[in-house]
Each structure stands twice: as structure tokens, then as C-alpha cells.
Amino acid sequence: METAVNKLAAMFQKAQSDLDYIEHKLEFEMLKNLPQCTASQENPIKLLEQLRVIKSRYRDLCAEADQIAIERKESVDFIRTQLATTLQLVQKLQDQSDLK
């Protein structure tokens, strides 16, 4: 399970890197082609603003995914502890019933 979390984190990091690359590429292309833009085309500045909002939401999702992974691990650890305790109690009860 740990490898799946690491793999997911790596995918999020790659996506973040890809978004950064796209943002820089868009900025470069806009500066290069800005005089050629017509009124019928979408405003590239607004597109960049939207991209920044998407990146912010993406970072929030990454943080949330990390928190979920931490809480999941804590839950699994708690369940394992409770299960081990229950198994010990069952074993004690079985041992006591065999003695009587």
C-alpha cells in the first residue's frame, strides 16, 4: 500500500511539473504572438489566470490527498491494534475454557 501512495505522490508531482511547463510555455507564446491576437480569440491573460486557479486547486487536492493517506494509515494501524487485542482475548477465553 505504501508503494501505491508513493506512486500517487509521484504522479501528482509530475502533473504539477507539467502544469508549470504549460504555464511558462503559454506565457512565452502569448508574449511572442500578442500583437497578432484578434478580438475574436480568447484573452490569453484570462487563460493564464484560470491556469493559476487550477494549479491552486490542484495543490489543495494534493494536500488533501496527503492528509487522507496519513489518516488512512492511522486508521489501519488502529484497526490492526484492535484486532490483535481481540485475538489475544479470544485466545485467553479459549485457553480458559479448555482448562475448565
N, C-alpha and C. Protein backbone atom coordinates (compact mmCIF):
# COMPACT_ATOMS: atom_id res chain seq x y z
N MET A 1 0.82 -1.18 0.00
CA MET A 1 0.00 0.00 0.00
C MET A 1 0.88 1.26 0.00
N GLU A 2 1.99 1.15 0.70
CA GLU A 2 2.92 2.28 0.77
C GLU A 2 3.43 2.64 -0.62
N THR A 3 3.67 1.63 -1.46
CA THR A 3 4.15 1.90 -2.81
C THR A 3 3.08 2.59 -3.65
N ALA A 4 1.82 2.26 -3.41
CA ALA A 4 0.74 2.91 -4.15
C ALA A 4 0.66 4.38 -3.78
N VAL A 5 0.84 4.69 -2.51
CA VAL A 5 0.82 6.09 -2.07
C VAL A 5 2.00 6.84 -2.68
N ASN A 6 3.18 6.21 -2.67
CA ASN A 6 4.36 6.84 -3.27
C ASN A 6 4.17 7.06 -4.77
N LYS A 7 3.56 6.09 -5.42
CA LYS A 7 3.31 6.19 -6.86
C LYS A 7 2.34 7.35 -7.14
N LEU A 8 1.31 7.46 -6.32
CA LEU A 8 0.34 8.54 -6.47
C LEU A 8 1.00 9.90 -6.24
N ALA A 9 1.86 9.98 -5.23
CA ALA A 9 2.57 11.23 -4.96
C ALA A 9 3.47 11.60 -6.14
N ALA A 10 4.13 10.62 -6.72
CA ALA A 10 4.98 10.88 -7.89
C ALA A 10 4.15 11.37 -9.07
N MET A 11 2.96 10.79 -9.24
CA MET A 11 2.08 11.24 -10.33
C MET A 11 1.64 12.68 -10.11
N PHE A 12 1.33 13.03 -8.85
CA PHE A 12 0.95 14.41 -8.54
C PHE A 12 2.10 15.37 -8.81
N GLN A 13 3.31 14.97 -8.46
CA GLN A 13 4.47 15.82 -8.70
C GLN A 13 4.71 16.01 -10.20
N LYS A 14 4.54 14.95 -10.96
CA LYS A 14 4.71 15.05 -12.41
C LYS A 14 3.65 15.97 -13.01
N ALA A 15 2.41 15.83 -12.55
CA ALA A 15 1.34 16.70 -13.04
C ALA A 15 1.62 18.15 -12.70
N GLN A 16 2.15 18.41 -11.50
CA GLN A 16 2.49 19.78 -11.10
C GLN A 16 3.58 20.33 -12.02
N SER A 17 4.56 19.52 -12.30
CA SER A 17 5.64 19.93 -13.19
C SER A 17 5.11 20.21 -14.60
N ASP A 18 4.20 19.37 -15.06
CA ASP A 18 3.59 19.57 -16.38
C ASP A 18 2.80 20.87 -16.43
N LEU A 19 2.06 21.16 -15.37
CA LEU A 19 1.30 22.42 -15.31
C LEU A 19 2.22 23.63 -15.33
N ASP A 20 3.32 23.54 -14.60
CA ASP A 20 4.30 24.64 -14.62
C ASP A 20 4.86 24.85 -16.02
N TYR A 21 5.18 23.75 -16.68
CA TYR A 21 5.72 23.84 -18.04
C TYR A 21 4.70 24.48 -18.98
N ILE A 22 3.45 24.05 -18.88
CA ILE A 22 2.39 24.60 -19.74
C ILE A 22 2.23 26.09 -19.48
N GLU A 23 2.26 26.48 -18.21
CA GLU A 23 2.10 27.89 -17.88
C GLU A 23 3.22 28.73 -18.51
N HIS A 24 4.46 28.27 -18.36
CA HIS A 24 5.58 29.03 -18.93
C HIS A 24 5.53 29.04 -20.46
N LYS A 25 5.14 27.93 -21.02
CA LYS A 25 5.03 27.86 -22.49
C LYS A 25 3.94 28.82 -22.99
N LEU A 26 2.80 28.86 -22.29
CA LEU A 26 1.73 29.78 -22.67
C LEU A 26 2.18 31.24 -22.55
N GLU A 27 2.85 31.55 -21.47
CA GLU A 27 3.33 32.93 -21.30
C GLU A 27 4.27 33.31 -22.44
N PHE A 28 5.17 32.41 -22.78
CA PHE A 28 6.12 32.68 -23.86
C PHE A 28 5.40 32.87 -25.19
N GLU A 29 4.47 31.97 -25.49
CA GLU A 29 3.72 32.06 -26.75
C GLU A 29 2.87 33.34 -26.80
N MET A 30 2.28 33.70 -25.67
CA MET A 30 1.47 34.92 -25.65
C MET A 30 2.32 36.15 -25.91
N LEU A 31 3.46 36.21 -25.26
CA LEU A 31 4.33 37.37 -25.46
C LEU A 31 4.84 37.42 -26.91
N LYS A 32 5.07 36.27 -27.46
CA LYS A 32 5.56 36.20 -28.84
C LYS A 32 4.46 36.58 -29.84
N ASN A 33 3.21 36.17 -29.57
CA ASN A 33 2.13 36.34 -30.54
C ASN A 33 1.11 37.40 -30.15
N LEU A 34 1.32 38.10 -29.07
CA LEU A 34 0.31 39.03 -28.57
C LEU A 34 -0.14 40.06 -29.61
N PRO A 35 0.75 40.67 -30.36
CA PRO A 35 0.28 41.65 -31.36
C PRO A 35 -0.60 41.02 -32.44
N GLN A 36 -0.48 39.73 -32.67
CA GLN A 36 -1.25 39.06 -33.72
C GLN A 36 -2.63 38.61 -33.25
N CYS A 37 -2.88 38.69 -31.94
CA CYS A 37 -4.17 38.24 -31.40
C CYS A 37 -5.29 39.15 -31.88
N THR A 38 -6.42 38.55 -32.18
CA THR A 38 -7.58 39.33 -32.60
C THR A 38 -8.60 39.34 -31.48
N ALA A 39 -9.61 40.17 -31.62
CA ALA A 39 -10.64 40.28 -30.58
C ALA A 39 -11.48 39.01 -30.50
N SER A 40 -11.56 38.24 -31.57
CA SER A 40 -12.38 37.03 -31.57
C SER A 40 -11.74 35.89 -30.77
N GLN A 41 -10.44 35.99 -30.54
CA GLN A 41 -9.77 34.95 -29.77
C GLN A 41 -9.95 35.20 -28.28
N GLU A 42 -9.83 34.12 -27.51
CA GLU A 42 -9.96 34.25 -26.06
C GLU A 42 -8.74 34.99 -25.51
N ASN A 43 -8.99 35.76 -24.48
CA ASN A 43 -7.95 36.57 -23.86
C ASN A 43 -6.92 35.65 -23.19
N PRO A 44 -5.66 35.71 -23.64
CA PRO A 44 -4.65 34.82 -23.07
C PRO A 44 -4.34 35.12 -21.61
N ILE A 45 -4.51 36.35 -21.20
CA ILE A 45 -4.27 36.70 -19.81
C ILE A 45 -5.30 36.00 -18.91
N LYS A 46 -6.55 35.96 -19.36
CA LYS A 46 -7.58 35.26 -18.60
C LYS A 46 -7.29 33.76 -18.54
N LEU A 47 -6.77 33.22 -19.63
CA LEU A 47 -6.40 31.81 -19.64
C LEU A 47 -5.32 31.52 -18.60
N LEU A 48 -4.34 32.42 -18.52
CA LEU A 48 -3.29 32.24 -17.52
C LEU A 48 -3.85 32.35 -16.11
N GLU A 49 -4.77 33.26 -15.89
CA GLU A 49 -5.38 33.40 -14.58
C GLU A 49 -6.15 32.11 -14.22
N GLN A 50 -6.84 31.57 -15.19
CA GLN A 50 -7.57 30.33 -14.96
C GLN A 50 -6.59 29.18 -14.66
N LEU A 51 -5.47 29.17 -15.35
CA LEU A 51 -4.46 28.15 -15.12
C LEU A 51 -3.91 28.26 -13.70
N ARG A 52 -3.71 29.49 -13.23
CA ARG A 52 -3.23 29.68 -11.86
C ARG A 52 -4.25 29.18 -10.84
N VAL A 53 -5.53 29.42 -11.12
CA VAL A 53 -6.59 28.94 -10.22
C VAL A 53 -6.58 27.40 -10.21
N ILE A 54 -6.44 26.82 -11.37
CA ILE A 54 -6.40 25.35 -11.47
C ILE A 54 -5.20 24.80 -10.70
N LYS A 55 -4.06 25.45 -10.83
CA LYS A 55 -2.88 25.00 -10.11
C LYS A 55 -3.09 25.11 -8.60
N SER A 56 -3.73 26.17 -8.17
CA SER A 56 -4.01 26.34 -6.74
C SER A 56 -4.93 25.24 -6.24
N ARG A 57 -5.97 24.96 -7.01
CA ARG A 57 -6.89 23.88 -6.63
C ARG A 57 -6.17 22.54 -6.62
N TYR A 58 -5.29 22.36 -7.57
CA TYR A 58 -4.52 21.12 -7.65
C TYR A 58 -3.64 20.95 -6.41
N ARG A 59 -2.98 22.04 -5.99
CA ARG A 59 -2.15 21.97 -4.78
C ARG A 59 -3.01 21.63 -3.57
N ASP A 60 -4.20 22.21 -3.51
CA ASP A 60 -5.12 21.90 -2.41
C ASP A 60 -5.49 20.41 -2.42
N LEU A 61 -5.76 19.88 -3.61
CA LEU A 61 -6.09 18.46 -3.73
C LEU A 61 -4.92 17.57 -3.30
N CYS A 62 -3.72 17.98 -3.66
CA CYS A 62 -2.53 17.22 -3.25
C CYS A 62 -2.41 17.19 -1.74
N ALA A 63 -2.60 18.35 -1.12
CA ALA A 63 -2.52 18.43 0.34
C ALA A 63 -3.61 17.57 0.98
N GLU A 64 -4.80 17.61 0.40
CA GLU A 64 -5.90 16.80 0.91
C GLU A 64 -5.60 15.31 0.75
N ALA A 65 -5.03 14.94 -0.39
CA ALA A 65 -4.69 13.53 -0.62
C ALA A 65 -3.62 13.07 0.37
N ASP A 66 -2.65 13.93 0.67
CA ASP A 66 -1.64 13.58 1.66
C ASP A 66 -2.28 13.38 3.03
N GLN A 67 -3.20 14.27 3.40
CA GLN A 67 -3.87 14.15 4.69
C GLN A 67 -4.70 12.87 4.76
N ILE A 68 -5.37 12.55 3.67
CA ILE A 68 -6.16 11.31 3.61
C ILE A 68 -5.25 10.10 3.78
N ALA A 69 -4.09 10.12 3.14
CA ALA A 69 -3.16 8.99 3.26
C ALA A 69 -2.68 8.84 4.70
N ILE A 70 -2.41 9.96 5.37
CA ILE A 70 -1.97 9.91 6.77
C ILE A 70 -3.08 9.34 7.65
N GLU A 71 -4.29 9.86 7.46
CA GLU A 71 -5.41 9.39 8.27
C GLU A 71 -5.74 7.92 7.99
N ARG A 72 -5.59 7.51 6.75
CA ARG A 72 -5.83 6.11 6.40
C ARG A 72 -4.82 5.21 7.10
N LYS A 73 -3.57 5.62 7.09
CA LYS A 73 -2.54 4.83 7.77
C LYS A 73 -2.84 4.74 9.26
N GLU A 74 -3.24 5.86 9.86
CA GLU A 74 -3.59 5.85 11.29
C GLU A 74 -4.76 4.91 11.55
N SER A 75 -5.75 4.93 10.67
CA SER A 75 -6.91 4.05 10.83
C SER A 75 -6.52 2.58 10.72
N VAL A 76 -5.70 2.27 9.74
CA VAL A 76 -5.25 0.89 9.56
C VAL A 76 -4.46 0.43 10.78
N ASP A 77 -3.58 1.29 11.28
CA ASP A 77 -2.81 0.94 12.48
C ASP A 77 -3.72 0.69 13.67
N PHE A 78 -4.72 1.54 13.85
CA PHE A 78 -5.67 1.39 14.96
C PHE A 78 -6.44 0.08 14.83
N ILE A 79 -6.92 -0.21 13.62
CA ILE A 79 -7.68 -1.44 13.40
C ILE A 79 -6.80 -2.66 13.67
N ARG A 80 -5.55 -2.60 13.23
CA ARG A 80 -4.64 -3.73 13.48
C ARG A 80 -4.44 -3.93 14.98
N THR A 81 -4.27 -2.84 15.71
CA THR A 81 -4.08 -2.93 17.15
C THR A 81 -5.32 -3.53 17.81
N GLN A 82 -6.48 -3.06 17.42
CA GLN A 82 -7.72 -3.58 17.99
C GLN A 82 -7.92 -5.04 17.65
N LEU A 83 -7.59 -5.41 16.45
CA LEU A 83 -7.72 -6.81 16.03
C LEU A 83 -6.76 -7.71 16.81
N ALA A 84 -5.54 -7.25 17.01
CA ALA A 84 -4.57 -8.03 17.78
C ALA A 84 -5.06 -8.22 19.22
N THR A 85 -5.59 -7.16 19.80
CA THR A 85 -6.12 -7.25 21.17
C THR A 85 -7.29 -8.22 21.23
N THR A 86 -8.17 -8.15 20.27
CA THR A 86 -9.32 -9.05 20.22
C THR A 86 -8.87 -10.50 20.07
N LEU A 87 -7.90 -10.73 19.22
CA LEU A 87 -7.38 -12.09 19.05
C LEU A 87 -6.76 -12.62 20.33
N GLN A 88 -6.07 -11.75 21.05
CA GLN A 88 -5.48 -12.17 22.33
C GLN A 88 -6.58 -12.54 23.32
N LEU A 89 -7.64 -11.74 23.36
CA LEU A 89 -8.76 -12.03 24.27
C LEU A 89 -9.45 -13.34 23.91
N VAL A 90 -9.64 -13.56 22.64
CA VAL A 90 -10.25 -14.81 22.19
C VAL A 90 -9.36 -15.99 22.57
N GLN A 91 -8.06 -15.84 22.38
CA GLN A 91 -7.13 -16.91 22.74
C GLN A 91 -7.18 -17.20 24.24
N LYS A 92 -7.22 -16.16 25.06
CA LYS A 92 -7.34 -16.34 26.52
C LYS A 92 -8.63 -17.04 26.89
N LEU A 93 -9.72 -16.65 26.25
CA LEU A 93 -11.01 -17.29 26.54
C LEU A 93 -10.98 -18.76 26.13
N GLN A 94 -10.37 -19.06 25.01
CA GLN A 94 -10.27 -20.45 24.57
C GLN A 94 -9.42 -21.26 25.54
N ASP A 95 -8.32 -20.65 25.98
CA ASP A 95 -7.43 -21.35 26.93
C ASP A 95 -8.16 -21.61 28.25
N GLN A 96 -8.91 -20.62 28.72
CA GLN A 96 -9.64 -20.77 29.99
C GLN A 96 -10.75 -21.81 29.86
N SER A 97 -11.41 -21.84 28.73
CA SER A 97 -12.50 -22.82 28.57
C SER A 97 -11.93 -24.23 28.45
N ASP A 98 -10.74 -24.41 27.95
CA ASP A 98 -10.11 -25.71 27.87
C ASP A 98 -9.67 -26.19 29.25
N LEU A 99 -9.33 -25.27 30.14
CA LEU A 99 -8.90 -25.64 31.48
C LEU A 99 -10.07 -26.11 32.34
N LYS A 100 -11.23 -25.61 32.10
CA LYS A 100 -12.39 -25.93 32.94
C LYS A 100 -13.07 -27.18 32.50
